[in-house]
Amino acid sequence: MNITINNNDELQLFIYKKNIEKQLITNLLIKYCNNVIHLPDSFSNLLALTTLKIQCCQNLTHLPDSIDNLSVLTTLYITDCYYLTHLPDSIGNLSALTTFKIYYCEKLTHLPQSIGNLRALTDLCIYACHKLTHLPASIGNLSALTTFDIWNCSTLTHLPDSIGNMRGITSLSIYNCDKLKHSALPNAICFCKNLQIITVENIYMLPPSMILLEKITEIRVYNNYESTIQNINELRTLWCHIIKNCV
């Protein structure tokens, strides 16, 4: 059963629904509930829930610690929750989660270390979280991750060396992260043996260790200040190398 909650009044009505009805819900969209500061713990009783989307709840500051009761949740999507400052440590217990996307949560300062426990996660997208300064080292434990996108995180200063532990990753995209302009991708990226597509903007250097990425098919470098892809001809399976607006 799919449920959409469109405003604060509908949210209040939903909270007081009988639990027997809630047990049938598999997909829940909550949007434009601007009076909500936190979701009640009762949301964690939606035991059949596989998809949770929270959109444009601008005053939401946090999610319930009991979110880990959603044991079959596979998709979590959070967007335009301006005052969301952190995620609960218990999010790392969502063992079925495969897709996590968080967009335009401008007050989010960090991701919990427990995010590295999401061993089923295949798709991680972080867009426009402007207070996010770093990623936890535990992110390297996401062994099932195949797609990792980081866009418009203007205060992110570096990527952890543990990114090299992401042995399943096939696509990495880093775009418009201004504080990364004078950084380089970690040398440990050479251990991402299944990496096929890299898209970066304004990264100071692509490390020579990339020569070891034998499955690379595409590298896109946009607006780069210094392109230093060494021994590019030795990337044997490379078929598309695009550099745009390189100074």
C-alpha atoms as a PDB file:
ATOM      1  CA  MET A   1       0.000   0.000   0.000  1.00  0.00           C
ATOM      2  CA  ASN A   2       1.273   3.476  -0.945  1.00  0.00           C
ATOM      3  CA  ILE A   3       0.568   6.498   1.256  1.00  0.00           C
ATOM      4  CA  THR A   4       1.330  10.164   0.555  1.00  0.00           C
ATOM      5  CA  ILE A   5       1.123  12.770   3.313  1.00  0.00           C
ATOM      6  CA  ASN A   6       0.929  16.235   1.756  1.00  0.00           C
ATOM      7  CA  ASN A   7       0.778  18.635   4.719  1.00  0.00           C
ATOM      8  CA  ASN A   8       0.741  19.018   8.497  1.00  0.00           C
ATOM      9  CA  ASP A   9      -2.960  18.240   8.889  1.00  0.00           C
ATOM     10  CA  GLU A  10      -2.664  14.998   6.947  1.00  0.00           C
ATOM     11  CA  LEU A  11       0.313  14.042   9.072  1.00  0.00           C
ATOM     12  CA  GLN A  12      -1.680  14.464  12.282  1.00  0.00           C
ATOM     13  CA  LEU A  13      -4.492  12.350  10.887  1.00  0.00           C
ATOM     14  CA  PHE A  14      -2.003   9.659   9.914  1.00  0.00           C
ATOM     15  CA  ILE A  15      -0.468   9.545  13.370  1.00  0.00           C
ATOM     16  CA  TYR A  16      -3.839   8.683  14.890  1.00  0.00           C
ATOM     17  CA  LYS A  17      -4.725   5.976  12.403  1.00  0.00           C
ATOM     18  CA  LYS A  18      -5.192   2.473  13.747  1.00  0.00           C
ATOM     19  CA  ASN A  19      -1.989   0.458  13.746  1.00  0.00           C
ATOM     20  CA  ILE A  20      -3.608  -2.431  11.871  1.00  0.00           C
ATOM     21  CA  GLU A  21      -3.938  -0.167   8.807  1.00  0.00           C
ATOM     22  CA  LYS A  22      -0.353   1.018   9.053  1.00  0.00           C
ATOM     23  CA  GLN A  23       1.031  -2.492   8.931  1.00  0.00           C
ATOM     24  CA  LEU A  24       0.041  -2.689   5.248  1.00  0.00           C
ATOM     25  CA  ILE A  25       2.050   0.355   4.149  1.00  0.00           C
ATOM     26  CA  THR A  26       5.068  -0.403   1.962  1.00  0.00           C
ATOM     27  CA  ASN A  27       5.734   3.044   0.452  1.00  0.00           C
ATOM     28  CA  LEU A  28       5.415   6.292   2.380  1.00  0.00           C
ATOM     29  CA  LEU A  29       5.966   9.837   1.101  1.00  0.00           C
ATOM     30  CA  ILE A  30       5.892  12.709   3.603  1.00  0.00           C
ATOM     31  CA  LYS A  31       6.097  16.226   2.136  1.00  0.00           C
ATOM     32  CA  TYR A  32       5.438  19.868   2.968  1.00  0.00           C
ATOM     33  CA  CYS A  33       5.031  19.238   6.684  1.00  0.00           C
ATOM     34  CA  ASN A  34       6.795  22.415   7.740  1.00  0.00           C
ATOM     35  CA  ASN A  35       5.523  22.403  11.336  1.00  0.00           C
ATOM     36  CA  VAL A  36       7.207  19.094  12.074  1.00  0.00           C
ATOM     37  CA  ILE A  37      10.439  19.211  14.079  1.00  0.00           C
ATOM     38  CA  HIS A  38      10.743  15.459  14.528  1.00  0.00           C
ATOM     39  CA  LEU A  39       8.848  12.377  13.447  1.00  0.00           C
ATOM     40  CA  PRO A  40       7.248  10.386  16.276  1.00  0.00           C
ATOM     41  CA  ASP A  41       8.648   6.983  17.204  1.00  0.00           C
ATOM     42  CA  SER A  42       5.399   5.443  16.009  1.00  0.00           C
ATOM     43  CA  PHE A  43       6.676   5.774  12.429  1.00  0.00           C
ATOM     44  CA  SER A  44       9.139   3.029  13.238  1.00  0.00           C
ATOM     45  CA  ASN A  45       6.234   0.634  13.705  1.00  0.00           C
ATOM     46  CA  LEU A  46       5.602   0.544   9.953  1.00  0.00           C
ATOM     47  CA  LEU A  47       7.166  -2.879   9.756  1.00  0.00           C
ATOM     48  CA  ALA A  48       6.266  -3.528   6.098  1.00  0.00           C
ATOM     49  CA  LEU A  49       7.772  -0.256   4.900  1.00  0.00           C
ATOM     50  CA  THR A  50      10.270  -0.655   2.048  1.00  0.00           C
ATOM     51  CA  THR A  51      10.448   2.956   0.785  1.00  0.00           C
ATOM     52  CA  LEU A  52      10.466   6.130   2.883  1.00  0.00           C
ATOM     53  CA  LYS A  53      10.654   9.534   1.220  1.00  0.00           C
ATOM     54  CA  ILE A  54      10.719  12.790   3.190  1.00  0.00           C
ATOM     55  CA  GLN A  55      10.517  15.957   1.108  1.00  0.00           C
ATOM     56  CA  CYS A  56      10.338  19.675   1.905  1.00  0.00           C
ATOM     57  CA  CYS A  57       9.861  19.317   5.659  1.00  0.00           C
ATOM     58  CA  GLN A  58      12.010  22.348   6.264  1.00  0.00           C
ATOM     59  CA  ASN A  59      11.923  22.423  10.080  1.00  0.00           C
ATOM     60  CA  LEU A  60      12.608  18.737  10.598  1.00  0.00           C
ATOM     61  CA  THR A  61      15.759  18.507  12.739  1.00  0.00           C
ATOM     62  CA  HIS A  62      16.209  14.759  13.183  1.00  0.00           C
ATOM     63  CA  LEU A  63      14.816  11.308  12.538  1.00  0.00           C
ATOM     64  CA  PRO A  64      13.705   8.985  15.353  1.00  0.00           C
ATOM     65  CA  ASP A  65      16.360   6.774  16.936  1.00  0.00           C
ATOM     66  CA  SER A  66      13.975   3.876  16.507  1.00  0.00           C
ATOM     67  CA  ILE A  67      14.231   4.084  12.709  1.00  0.00           C
ATOM     68  CA  ASP A  68      16.161   0.833  12.804  1.00  0.00           C
ATOM     69  CA  ASN A  69      12.881  -0.973  13.507  1.00  0.00           C
ATOM     70  CA  LEU A  70      12.194  -0.585   9.776  1.00  0.00           C
ATOM     71  CA  SER A  71      13.944  -3.862   9.119  1.00  0.00           C
ATOM     72  CA  VAL A  72      12.812  -4.281   5.480  1.00  0.00           C
ATOM     73  CA  LEU A  73      13.416  -0.673   4.391  1.00  0.00           C
ATOM     74  CA  THR A  74      15.350  -0.682   1.105  1.00  0.00           C
ATOM     75  CA  THR A  75      15.063   2.972   0.003  1.00  0.00           C
ATOM     76  CA  LEU A  76      15.507   6.134   2.075  1.00  0.00           C
ATOM     77  CA  TYR A  77      15.196   9.469   0.332  1.00  0.00           C
ATOM     78  CA  ILE A  78      15.476  12.799   2.203  1.00  0.00           C
ATOM     79  CA  THR A  79      15.349  16.120   0.386  1.00  0.00           C
ATOM     80  CA  ASP A  80      14.892  19.816   1.190  1.00  0.00           C
ATOM     81  CA  CYS A  81      14.879  19.363   4.962  1.00  0.00           C
ATOM     82  CA  TYR A  82      16.838  22.520   5.665  1.00  0.00           C
ATOM     83  CA  TYR A  83      17.195  22.180   9.445  1.00  0.00           C
ATOM     84  CA  LEU A  84      18.098  18.501   9.533  1.00  0.00           C
ATOM     85  CA  THR A  85      21.402  18.604  11.431  1.00  0.00           C
ATOM     86  CA  HIS A  86      22.242  14.940  11.872  1.00  0.00           C
ATOM     87  CA  LEU A  87      21.146  11.373  11.286  1.00  0.00           C
ATOM     88  CA  PRO A  88      20.704   8.889  14.146  1.00  0.00           C
ATOM     89  CA  ASP A  89      23.425   6.324  14.784  1.00  0.00           C
ATOM     90  CA  SER A  90      20.738   3.671  14.538  1.00  0.00           C
ATOM     91  CA  ILE A  91      20.515   4.269  10.783  1.00  0.00           C
ATOM     92  CA  GLY A  92      23.451   1.899  10.495  1.00  0.00           C
ATOM     93  CA  ASN A  93      21.189  -0.951  11.574  1.00  0.00           C
ATOM     94  CA  LEU A  94      19.011  -0.737   8.452  1.00  0.00           C
ATOM     95  CA  SER A  95      20.409  -3.988   7.128  1.00  0.00           C
ATOM     96  CA  ALA A  96      18.135  -4.144   4.049  1.00  0.00           C
ATOM     97  CA  LEU A  97      18.829  -0.584   2.855  1.00  0.00           C
ATOM     98  CA  THR A  98      20.143  -0.508  -0.724  1.00  0.00           C
ATOM     99  CA  THR A  99      19.508   3.113  -1.743  1.00  0.00           C
ATOM    100  CA  PHE A 100      20.145   6.239   0.342  1.00  0.00           C
ATOM    101  CA  LYS A 101      19.793   9.682  -1.196  1.00  0.00           C
ATOM    102  CA  ILE A 102      20.007  12.921   0.757  1.00  0.00           C
ATOM    103  CA  TYR A 103      19.589  16.246  -1.085  1.00  0.00           C
ATOM    104  CA  TYR A 104      19.530  19.895  -0.020  1.00  0.00           C
ATOM    105  CA  CYS A 105      19.829  19.313   3.716  1.00  0.00           C
ATOM    106  CA  GLU A 106      21.946  22.402   4.184  1.00  0.00           C
ATOM    107  CA  LYS A 107      22.403  22.144   7.970  1.00  0.00           C
ATOM    108  CA  LEU A 108      23.609  18.547   7.960  1.00  0.00           C
ATOM    109  CA  THR A 109      27.107  18.630   9.464  1.00  0.00           C
ATOM    110  CA  HIS A 110      28.164  14.994   9.319  1.00  0.00           C
ATOM    111  CA  LEU A 111      27.174  11.429   8.593  1.00  0.00           C
ATOM    112  CA  PRO A 112      27.311   8.965  11.497  1.00  0.00           C
ATOM    113  CA  GLN A 113      30.140   6.452  11.682  1.00  0.00           C
ATOM    114  CA  SER A 114      27.485   3.753  11.721  1.00  0.00           C
ATOM    115  CA  ILE A 115      26.737   4.416   8.046  1.00  0.00           C
ATOM    116  CA  GLY A 116      29.575   2.008   7.324  1.00  0.00           C
ATOM    117  CA  ASN A 117      27.393  -0.809   8.670  1.00  0.00           C
ATOM    118  CA  LEU A 118      25.001  -0.555   5.712  1.00  0.00           C
ATOM    119  CA  ARG A 119      26.464  -3.613   4.029  1.00  0.00           C
ATOM    120  CA  ALA A 120      23.576  -3.955   1.528  1.00  0.00           C
ATOM    121  CA  LEU A 121      23.852  -0.335   0.319  1.00  0.00           C
ATOM    122  CA  THR A 122      24.491  -0.089  -3.431  1.00  0.00           C
ATOM    123  CA  ASP A 123      23.560   3.530  -4.201  1.00  0.00           C
ATOM    124  CA  LEU A 124      24.656   6.549  -2.112  1.00  0.00           C
ATOM    125  CA  CYS A 125      23.944  10.091  -3.316  1.00  0.00           C
ATOM    126  CA  ILE A 126      24.739  13.250  -1.343  1.00  0.00           C
ATOM    127  CA  TYR A 127      23.734  16.553  -2.982  1.00  0.00           C
ATOM    128  CA  ALA A 128      23.906  20.145  -1.719  1.00  0.00           C
ATOM    129  CA  CYS A 129      24.647  19.433   1.946  1.00  0.00           C
ATOM    130  CA  HIS A 130      26.638  22.615   2.396  1.00  0.00           C
ATOM    131  CA  LYS A 131      27.667  22.138   6.042  1.00  0.00           C
ATOM    132  CA  LEU A 132      29.060  18.668   5.461  1.00  0.00           C
ATOM    133  CA  THR A 133      32.830  19.047   5.982  1.00  0.00           C
ATOM    134  CA  HIS A 134      33.970  15.426   5.885  1.00  0.00           C
ATOM    135  CA  LEU A 135      32.888  11.851   5.352  1.00  0.00           C
ATOM    136  CA  PRO A 136      33.447   9.219   8.054  1.00  0.00           C
ATOM    137  CA  ALA A 137      36.259   6.730   7.507  1.00  0.00           C
ATOM    138  CA  SER A 138      33.720   3.962   8.001  1.00  0.00           C
ATOM    139  CA  ILE A 139      32.261   4.792   4.593  1.00  0.00           C
ATOM    140  CA  GLY A 140      34.942   2.512   3.197  1.00  0.00           C
ATOM    141  CA  ASN A 141      33.100  -0.429   4.735  1.00  0.00           C
ATOM    142  CA  LEU A 142      30.300  -0.108   2.168  1.00  0.00           C
ATOM    143  CA  SER A 143      31.480  -3.164   0.309  1.00  0.00           C
ATOM    144  CA  ALA A 144      28.304  -3.538  -1.805  1.00  0.00           C
ATOM    145  CA  LEU A 145      28.279   0.087  -2.975  1.00  0.00           C
ATOM    146  CA  THR A 146      28.306   0.464  -6.759  1.00  0.00           C
ATOM    147  CA  THR A 147      27.320   4.135  -7.253  1.00  0.00           C
ATOM    148  CA  PHE A 148      28.631   7.032  -5.146  1.00  0.00           C
ATOM    149  CA  ASP A 149      27.670  10.610  -6.055  1.00  0.00           C
ATOM    150  CA  ILE A 150      28.718  13.748  -4.154  1.00  0.00           C
ATOM    151  CA  TRP A 151      27.533  17.032  -5.672  1.00  0.00           C
ATOM    152  CA  ASN A 152      27.452  20.633  -4.450  1.00  0.00           C
ATOM    153  CA  CYS A 153      28.838  19.953  -0.974  1.00  0.00           C
ATOM    154  CA  SER A 154      30.655  23.260  -0.761  1.00  0.00           C
ATOM    155  CA  THR A 155      32.555  22.728   2.538  1.00  0.00           C
ATOM    156  CA  LEU A 156      33.669  19.133   1.989  1.00  0.00           C
ATOM    157  CA  THR A 157      37.472  19.313   2.234  1.00  0.00           C
ATOM    158  CA  HIS A 158      38.675  15.803   1.424  1.00  0.00           C
ATOM    159  CA  LEU A 159      37.752  12.204   0.807  1.00  0.00           C
ATOM    160  CA  PRO A 160      38.891   9.534   3.272  1.00  0.00           C
ATOM    161  CA  ASP A 161      41.604   7.067   2.237  1.00  0.00           C
ATOM    162  CA  SER A 162      39.189   4.314   3.193  1.00  0.00           C
ATOM    163  CA  ILE A 163      37.400   4.920  -0.100  1.00  0.00           C
ATOM    164  CA  GLY A 164      39.852   2.365  -1.453  1.00  0.00           C
ATOM    165  CA  ASN A 165      37.998  -0.330   0.466  1.00  0.00           C
ATOM    166  CA  MET A 166      34.927   0.107  -1.735  1.00  0.00           C
ATOM    167  CA  ARG A 167      35.793  -2.886  -3.876  1.00  0.00           C
ATOM    168  CA  GLY A 168      32.365  -3.067  -5.531  1.00  0.00           C
ATOM    169  CA  ILE A 169      32.086   0.554  -6.665  1.00  0.00           C
ATOM    170  CA  THR A 170      31.670   1.033 -10.430  1.00  0.00           C
ATOM    171  CA  SER A 171      30.779   4.749 -10.669  1.00  0.00           C
ATOM    172  CA  LEU A 172      32.189   7.704  -8.677  1.00  0.00           C
ATOM    173  CA  SER A 173      30.993  11.260  -9.291  1.00  0.00           C
ATOM    174  CA  ILE A 174      32.318  14.350  -7.470  1.00  0.00           C
ATOM    175  CA  TYR A 175      30.964  17.638  -8.759  1.00  0.00           C
ATOM    176  CA  ASN A 176      30.969  21.275  -7.641  1.00  0.00           C
ATOM    177  CA  CYS A 177      32.525  20.662  -4.214  1.00  0.00           C
ATOM    178  CA  ASP A 178      34.468  23.921  -3.949  1.00  0.00           C
ATOM    179  CA  LYS A 179      36.754  23.016  -1.026  1.00  0.00           C
ATOM    180  CA  LEU A 180      38.030  19.985  -2.923  1.00  0.00           C
ATOM    181  CA  LYS A 181      39.594  22.234  -5.559  1.00  0.00           C
ATOM    182  CA  HIS A 182      43.050  21.953  -4.058  1.00  0.00           C
ATOM    183  CA  SER A 183      42.775  18.307  -3.095  1.00  0.00           C
ATOM    184  CA  ALA A 184      43.534  15.134  -4.937  1.00  0.00           C
ATOM    185  CA  LEU A 185      41.661  11.898  -5.101  1.00  0.00           C
ATOM    186  CA  PRO A 186      43.191   9.505  -2.552  1.00  0.00           C
ATOM    187  CA  ASN A 187      45.866   7.180  -3.938  1.00  0.00           C
ATOM    188  CA  ALA A 188      43.890   4.368  -2.358  1.00  0.00           C
ATOM    189  CA  ILE A 189      41.361   4.719  -5.165  1.00  0.00           C
ATOM    190  CA  CYS A 190      43.552   2.270  -7.075  1.00  0.00           C
ATOM    191  CA  PHE A 191      42.098  -0.520  -4.922  1.00  0.00           C
ATOM    192  CA  CYS A 192      38.595   0.087  -6.312  1.00  0.00           C
ATOM    193  CA  LYS A 193      39.189  -2.629  -8.872  1.00  0.00           C
ATOM    194  CA  ASN A 194      35.683  -2.564 -10.344  1.00  0.00           C
ATOM    195  CA  LEU A 195      35.595   1.205 -10.903  1.00  0.00           C
ATOM    196  CA  GLN A 196      34.521   1.965 -14.470  1.00  0.00           C
ATOM    197  CA  ILE A 197      33.357   5.606 -14.542  1.00  0.00           C
ATOM    198  CA  ILE A 198      34.868   8.610 -12.752  1.00  0.00           C
ATOM    199  CA  THR A 199      33.409  12.109 -13.046  1.00  0.00           C
ATOM    200  CA  VAL A 200      35.174  14.950 -11.217  1.00  0.00           C
ATOM    201  CA  GLU A 201      35.201  18.739 -11.281  1.00  0.00           C
ATOM    202  CA  ASN A 202      38.011  20.980 -10.063  1.00  0.00           C
ATOM    203  CA  ILE A 203      40.037  18.190  -8.502  1.00  0.00           C
ATOM    204  CA  TYR A 204      43.680  19.278  -8.305  1.00  0.00           C
ATOM    205  CA  MET A 205      45.108  15.946  -9.316  1.00  0.00           C
ATOM    206  CA  LEU A 206      44.052  12.517 -10.387  1.00  0.00           C
ATOM    207  CA  PRO A 207      46.620  10.234  -8.766  1.00  0.00           C
ATOM    208  CA  PRO A 208      49.070   8.148 -10.829  1.00  0.00           C
ATOM    209  CA  SER A 209      47.773   5.082  -9.003  1.00  0.00           C
ATOM    210  CA  MET A 210      44.751   5.238 -11.309  1.00  0.00           C
ATOM    211  CA  ILE A 211      46.920   3.354 -13.774  1.00  0.00           C
ATOM    212  CA  LEU A 212      45.933   0.222 -11.849  1.00  0.00           C
ATOM    213  CA  LEU A 213      42.223   0.650 -12.560  1.00  0.00           C
ATOM    214  CA  GLU A 214      41.999  -1.792 -15.421  1.00  0.00           C
ATOM    215  CA  LYS A 215      38.195  -1.691 -15.754  1.00  0.00           C
ATOM    216  CA  ILE A 216      38.007   2.074 -16.318  1.00  0.00           C
ATOM    217  CA  THR A 217      35.974   2.925 -19.410  1.00  0.00           C
ATOM    218  CA  GLU A 218      35.330   6.627 -18.877  1.00  0.00           C
ATOM    219  CA  ILE A 219      36.976   9.537 -17.094  1.00  0.00           C
ATOM    220  CA  ARG A 220      35.336  12.962 -17.195  1.00  0.00           C
ATOM    221  CA  VAL A 221      37.203  15.958 -15.813  1.00  0.00           C
ATOM    222  CA  TYR A 222      35.365  19.290 -15.886  1.00  0.00           C
ATOM    223  CA  ASN A 223      36.827  22.769 -15.320  1.00  0.00           C
ATOM    224  CA  ASN A 224      40.032  21.303 -14.001  1.00  0.00           C
ATOM    225  CA  TYR A 225      42.846  23.609 -12.905  1.00  0.00           C
ATOM    226  CA  GLU A 226      45.565  21.054 -13.505  1.00  0.00           C
ATOM    227  CA  SER A 227      45.010  17.868 -15.381  1.00  0.00           C
ATOM    228  CA  THR A 228      47.650  15.364 -14.362  1.00  0.00           C
ATOM    229  CA  ILE A 229      46.345  12.019 -15.487  1.00  0.00           C
ATOM    230  CA  GLN A 230      49.653  10.253 -15.848  1.00  0.00           C
ATOM    231  CA  ASN A 231      50.324   7.485 -18.350  1.00  0.00           C
ATOM    232  CA  ILE A 232      46.827   7.791 -19.746  1.00  0.00           C
ATOM    233  CA  ASN A 233      47.647   5.490 -22.638  1.00  0.00           C
ATOM    234  CA  GLU A 234      48.374   2.679 -20.249  1.00  0.00           C
ATOM    235  CA  LEU A 235      44.782   2.587 -19.031  1.00  0.00           C
ATOM    236  CA  ARG A 236      44.178  -0.278 -21.371  1.00  0.00           C
ATOM    237  CA  THR A 237      40.400  -0.350 -21.441  1.00  0.00           C
ATOM    238  CA  LEU A 238      39.938   3.441 -21.541  1.00  0.00           C
ATOM    239  CA  TRP A 239      37.640   4.465 -24.392  1.00  0.00           C
ATOM    240  CA  CYS A 240      36.445   7.940 -23.429  1.00  0.00           C
ATOM    241  CA  HIS A 241      38.542  10.678 -21.818  1.00  0.00           C
ATOM    242  CA  ILE A 242      36.793  14.048 -21.692  1.00  0.00           C
ATOM    243  CA  ILE A 243      38.344  17.241 -20.291  1.00  0.00           C
ATOM    244  CA  LYS A 244      36.194  20.336 -20.565  1.00  0.00           C
ATOM    245  CA  ASN A 245      37.180  23.956 -19.869  1.00  0.00           C
ATOM    246  CA  CYS A 246      40.554  22.937 -18.495  1.00  0.00           C
ATOM    247  CA  VAL A 247      42.795  25.870 -17.650  1.00  0.00           C
END
